[in-house]
Amino acid sequence: MNRRFKVIVEKTKDGYVAYPVGLQGVVVSDGNTVEEAVANLKSAIVFHLETFGKDALGELLSPEAVYLTEAEVAVDVQFSA
């Protein structure tokens, strides 16, 4: 059985980070290109499902159920050198 996940890909200073929407738990991958990050994510999803079983599958999401929004928070963090 195949399952299609919505995937968010973010550009970082070191490449790309990808993570799926609609999967229980945290699954993240990275790569030098979008394609590499998504390919690595596919492997990470398979490993996650083999480890946690079908209970890790969330509900299927339609495109209308996925949102990109913003949240503003106060950040008062002291960084040490």
Protein backbone atom coordinates (compact mmCIF):
# COMPACT_ATOMS: atom_id res chain seq x y z
CA MET A 1 0.00 0.00 0.00
CA ASN A 2 1.34 3.44 -0.88
CA ARG A 3 0.48 6.58 1.04
CA ARG A 4 1.07 10.11 -0.20
CA PHE A 5 2.21 12.65 2.41
CA LYS A 6 2.23 16.41 2.20
CA VAL A 7 5.86 17.45 2.66
CA ILE A 8 7.23 20.79 3.80
CA VAL A 9 10.70 21.65 2.54
CA GLU A 10 12.68 24.55 3.99
CA LYS A 11 15.82 26.10 2.53
CA THR A 12 18.58 26.48 5.11
CA LYS A 13 22.09 27.87 4.93
CA ASP A 14 23.38 24.29 4.62
CA GLY A 15 20.84 22.90 2.12
CA TYR A 16 17.26 21.78 2.64
CA VAL A 17 15.21 20.27 5.48
CA ALA A 18 12.05 18.25 4.81
CA TYR A 19 9.33 16.93 7.07
CA PRO A 20 5.93 15.31 6.46
CA VAL A 21 2.51 16.52 7.53
CA GLY A 22 0.02 13.97 8.84
CA LEU A 23 2.41 11.55 10.52
CA GLN A 24 2.38 11.00 14.28
CA GLY A 25 5.77 11.75 15.82
CA VAL A 26 8.74 13.69 14.56
CA VAL A 27 10.31 12.78 11.23
CA VAL A 28 12.82 15.15 9.65
CA SER A 29 15.46 14.78 6.97
CA ASP A 30 17.91 16.98 5.16
CA GLY A 31 19.86 17.09 1.94
CA ASN A 32 21.92 19.30 -0.32
CA THR A 33 19.02 19.58 -2.79
CA VAL A 34 15.23 19.46 -2.50
CA GLU A 35 15.26 16.08 -4.24
CA GLU A 36 17.86 14.67 -1.85
CA ALA A 37 15.98 15.95 1.21
CA VAL A 38 12.72 14.36 -0.02
CA ALA A 39 14.47 11.08 -0.91
CA ASN A 40 16.00 10.99 2.58
CA LEU A 41 12.59 11.78 4.04
CA LYS A 42 11.04 8.80 2.26
CA SER A 43 13.59 6.54 3.94
CA ALA A 44 12.96 8.21 7.30
CA ILE A 45 9.19 7.70 6.94
CA VAL A 46 9.65 4.00 6.13
CA PHE A 47 11.92 3.58 9.17
CA HIS A 48 9.44 5.48 11.38
CA LEU A 49 6.54 3.28 10.27
CA GLU A 50 8.59 0.09 10.71
CA THR A 51 9.49 1.24 14.22
CA PHE A 52 6.10 2.54 15.42
CA GLY A 53 3.66 0.68 13.18
CA LYS A 54 0.45 1.84 11.58
CA ASP A 55 -0.51 3.82 14.70
CA ALA A 56 2.02 6.42 13.53
CA LEU A 57 -0.14 7.17 10.50
CA GLY A 58 -2.22 10.28 10.99
CA GLU A 59 -5.34 11.08 9.06
CA LEU A 60 -5.06 11.82 5.37
CA LEU A 61 -5.05 15.57 4.83
CA SER A 62 -6.49 17.39 1.88
CA PRO A 63 -4.61 20.44 0.57
CA GLU A 64 -7.27 22.62 2.19
CA ALA A 65 -6.35 21.19 5.61
CA VAL A 66 -2.70 22.28 5.44
CA TYR A 67 -1.90 25.86 6.45
CA LEU A 68 1.19 28.00 6.41
CA THR A 69 0.90 30.79 8.94
CA GLU A 70 2.99 32.76 11.41
CA ALA A 71 3.25 32.92 15.18
CA GLU A 72 5.08 35.76 16.89
CA VAL A 73 6.71 35.04 20.24
CA ALA A 74 8.96 37.04 22.54
CA VAL A 75 12.48 35.66 22.43
CA ASP A 76 14.75 36.60 25.31
CA VAL A 77 17.60 34.14 24.98
CA GLN A 78 21.14 34.81 26.08
CA PHE A 79 23.68 33.25 23.76
CA SER A 80 27.06 32.37 25.19
CA ALA A 81 30.16 32.79 23.07
